[in-house]
Amino acid sequence: MRIDLLLMKQEDTIDFHIRWAWHSIARMYNMEAAKFGTTMSVGQTLLNVDVEGTPSTKLGPKMGMESRSLTRILKSMEDKGLIYKRVDQKDKRMVRVFLTDLGIEKREISRNAVLNFNKSVQSNIGKTNLETFFKVIKKVNLLLEDPSKLNGKDQSAKP
């Protein structure tokens, strides 16, 4: 079956639904974060800082974020007293990011927001549908990691 993109409506494309869902999720998290004087990006960063500190160079890849954007977020978080940075004792070239007490408090709020959203989706979607969703989205990500498969010649998805 050949899909003619010229005849296809935007809402019939895969990327439209992924983008639409992500924007809806981001809007929901930002609205929730705003109640606590923060943003979704800050909350996501808080969730990715380990208790023993996280090398600042590891945060970007861990979160799928460009280093320039992360630098701005970290600076803002430091100014708000959510994190502090310390040179690694073993490797003086590395800077580790740690949470302050306020950062730990805000991290718990972010964690609860993520858990509540996930519980709600799980209870409304069901285990079987979620397993199918995860299989599909993992396959999409694998295709995106290998651009040669995006040319339409990979036949492994056929029944």
Protein backbone atom coordinates (compact mmCIF):
# COMPACT_ATOMS: atom_id res chain seq x y z
CA MET A 1 0.00 0.00 0.00
CA ARG A 2 1.48 3.36 -1.07
CA ILE A 3 0.63 6.41 0.99
CA ASP A 4 0.24 9.51 -1.13
CA LEU A 5 1.21 12.37 1.17
CA LEU A 6 -0.29 14.95 -1.16
CA LEU A 7 -3.73 13.44 -0.64
CA MET A 8 -3.20 12.79 3.06
CA LYS A 9 -4.68 15.08 5.68
CA GLN A 10 -2.30 16.37 8.32
CA GLU A 11 -4.23 14.57 11.06
CA ASP A 12 -3.71 11.27 9.21
CA THR A 13 0.08 11.44 9.61
CA ILE A 14 1.98 9.68 12.37
CA ASP A 15 4.11 12.67 13.29
CA PHE A 16 1.02 14.86 13.72
CA HIS A 17 -0.30 12.60 16.49
CA ILE A 18 3.06 12.25 18.21
CA ARG A 19 3.63 16.03 18.10
CA TRP A 20 0.04 16.76 19.22
CA ALA A 21 0.29 14.35 22.16
CA TRP A 22 3.68 15.72 23.21
CA HIS A 23 2.48 19.34 23.06
CA SER A 24 -0.56 18.40 25.15
CA ILE A 25 1.62 16.64 27.72
CA ALA A 26 4.07 19.56 27.83
CA ARG A 27 1.23 22.06 28.27
CA MET A 28 -0.25 19.97 31.11
CA TYR A 29 3.13 19.66 32.89
CA ASN A 30 3.88 23.37 32.42
CA MET A 31 0.49 24.34 33.87
CA GLU A 32 1.11 22.06 36.85
CA ALA A 33 4.69 23.31 37.29
CA ALA A 34 3.53 26.95 37.15
CA LYS A 35 1.49 26.33 40.32
CA PHE A 36 4.83 25.77 42.07
CA GLY A 37 6.76 28.56 40.35
CA THR A 38 8.68 26.37 37.93
CA THR A 39 8.52 24.86 34.43
CA MET A 40 8.36 21.42 32.90
CA SER A 41 12.00 21.74 31.75
CA VAL A 42 13.13 22.52 35.28
CA GLY A 43 11.07 19.62 36.62
CA GLN A 44 12.54 17.25 34.06
CA THR A 45 16.04 18.40 34.97
CA LEU A 46 15.35 17.93 38.69
CA LEU A 47 14.25 14.36 37.98
CA ASN A 48 17.49 13.62 36.14
CA VAL A 49 19.94 14.86 38.78
CA ASP A 50 21.20 11.90 40.84
CA VAL A 51 21.54 12.06 44.63
CA GLU A 52 25.33 11.70 44.36
CA GLY A 53 25.39 14.48 41.79
CA THR A 54 25.33 14.25 38.02
CA PRO A 55 28.09 15.43 35.69
CA SER A 56 26.67 18.45 33.86
CA THR A 57 27.91 16.99 30.55
CA LYS A 58 25.77 13.86 31.10
CA LEU A 59 22.50 15.70 31.74
CA GLY A 60 21.92 16.87 28.15
CA PRO A 61 22.20 13.42 26.54
CA LYS A 62 20.25 11.87 29.43
CA MET A 63 17.38 14.27 28.74
CA GLY A 64 17.66 14.50 24.95
CA MET A 65 18.46 18.19 25.20
CA GLU A 66 20.99 20.44 23.46
CA SER A 67 23.76 21.70 25.73
CA ARG A 68 22.93 25.38 25.06
CA SER A 69 19.36 24.95 26.27
CA LEU A 70 20.50 22.95 29.27
CA THR A 71 23.08 25.61 30.18
CA ARG A 72 20.33 28.25 30.37
CA ILE A 73 18.10 25.97 32.46
CA LEU A 74 20.94 25.10 34.86
CA LYS A 75 21.85 28.78 35.27
CA SER A 76 18.22 29.62 36.05
CA MET A 77 17.97 26.70 38.49
CA GLU A 78 21.16 27.79 40.24
CA ASP A 79 19.86 31.38 40.51
CA LYS A 80 16.62 30.06 42.08
CA GLY A 81 18.52 27.95 44.61
CA LEU A 82 17.40 24.59 43.23
CA ILE A 83 20.87 23.26 42.39
CA TYR A 84 24.51 23.92 43.07
CA LYS A 85 27.60 22.88 41.13
CA ARG A 86 30.77 21.40 42.50
CA VAL A 87 34.02 20.34 40.84
CA ASP A 88 34.41 16.55 41.01
CA GLN A 89 36.98 15.54 43.63
CA LYS A 90 38.45 12.72 41.53
CA ASP A 91 38.35 14.41 38.12
CA LYS A 92 38.90 18.16 38.44
CA ARG A 93 37.79 18.64 34.81
CA MET A 94 34.26 17.50 35.64
CA VAL A 95 31.54 19.61 37.26
CA ARG A 96 28.77 17.81 39.11
CA VAL A 97 25.27 19.19 39.62
CA PHE A 98 23.59 18.58 42.99
CA LEU A 99 20.11 19.37 44.29
CA THR A 100 19.66 21.79 47.18
CA ASP A 101 17.01 21.13 49.82
CA LEU A 102 14.63 23.31 47.79
CA GLY A 103 15.57 21.34 44.66
CA ILE A 104 14.79 18.06 46.44
CA GLU A 105 11.41 19.48 47.50
CA LYS A 106 10.58 20.60 43.93
CA ARG A 107 11.85 17.27 42.58
CA GLU A 108 9.28 15.44 44.72
CA ILE A 109 6.52 17.65 43.31
CA SER A 110 7.72 16.87 39.76
CA ARG A 111 7.95 13.16 40.56
CA ASN A 112 4.37 13.13 41.87
CA ALA A 113 3.10 14.93 38.76
CA VAL A 114 4.75 12.33 36.49
CA LEU A 115 3.48 9.42 38.60
CA ASN A 116 -0.07 10.79 38.67
CA PHE A 117 -0.11 11.30 34.91
CA ASN A 118 1.24 7.80 34.30
CA LYS A 119 -1.28 6.20 36.70
CA SER A 120 -4.10 8.04 34.98
CA VAL A 121 -2.98 6.95 31.50
CA GLN A 122 -2.43 3.36 32.65
CA SER A 123 -5.85 3.09 34.23
CA ASN A 124 -7.61 4.63 31.21
CA ILE A 125 -5.66 2.96 28.40
CA GLY A 126 -5.09 -0.54 29.76
CA LYS A 127 -2.06 -2.80 29.90
CA THR A 128 -2.47 -4.43 26.46
CA ASN A 129 -2.88 -1.11 24.63
CA LEU A 130 0.11 0.37 26.47
CA GLU A 131 2.28 -2.64 25.59
CA THR A 132 1.32 -2.15 21.93
CA PHE A 133 2.02 1.59 22.18
CA PHE A 134 5.48 0.96 23.66
CA LYS A 135 6.32 -1.57 20.93
CA VAL A 136 5.27 0.88 18.21
CA ILE A 137 7.02 3.93 19.67
CA LYS A 138 10.24 1.93 20.23
CA LYS A 139 10.10 0.83 16.58
CA VAL A 140 9.59 4.45 15.47
CA ASN A 141 12.63 5.49 17.54
CA LEU A 142 14.72 2.68 16.05
CA LEU A 143 13.74 3.84 12.57
CA LEU A 144 14.76 7.39 13.46
CA GLU A 145 18.14 6.16 14.72
CA ASP A 146 18.81 4.51 11.33
CA PRO A 147 17.94 7.00 8.56
CA SER A 148 18.58 4.35 5.90
CA LYS A 149 15.39 2.59 7.06
CA LEU A 150 13.34 5.73 6.55
CA ASN A 151 13.60 5.47 2.77
CA GLY A 152 10.72 3.03 2.67
CA LYS A 153 12.82 -0.01 1.72
CA ASP A 154 12.89 -1.76 5.11
CA GLN A 155 10.48 -4.67 4.85
CA SER A 156 10.78 -5.98 8.41
CA ALA A 157 7.51 -4.33 9.50
CA LYS A 158 5.43 -6.32 7.01
CA PRO A 159 3.31 -9.15 8.46
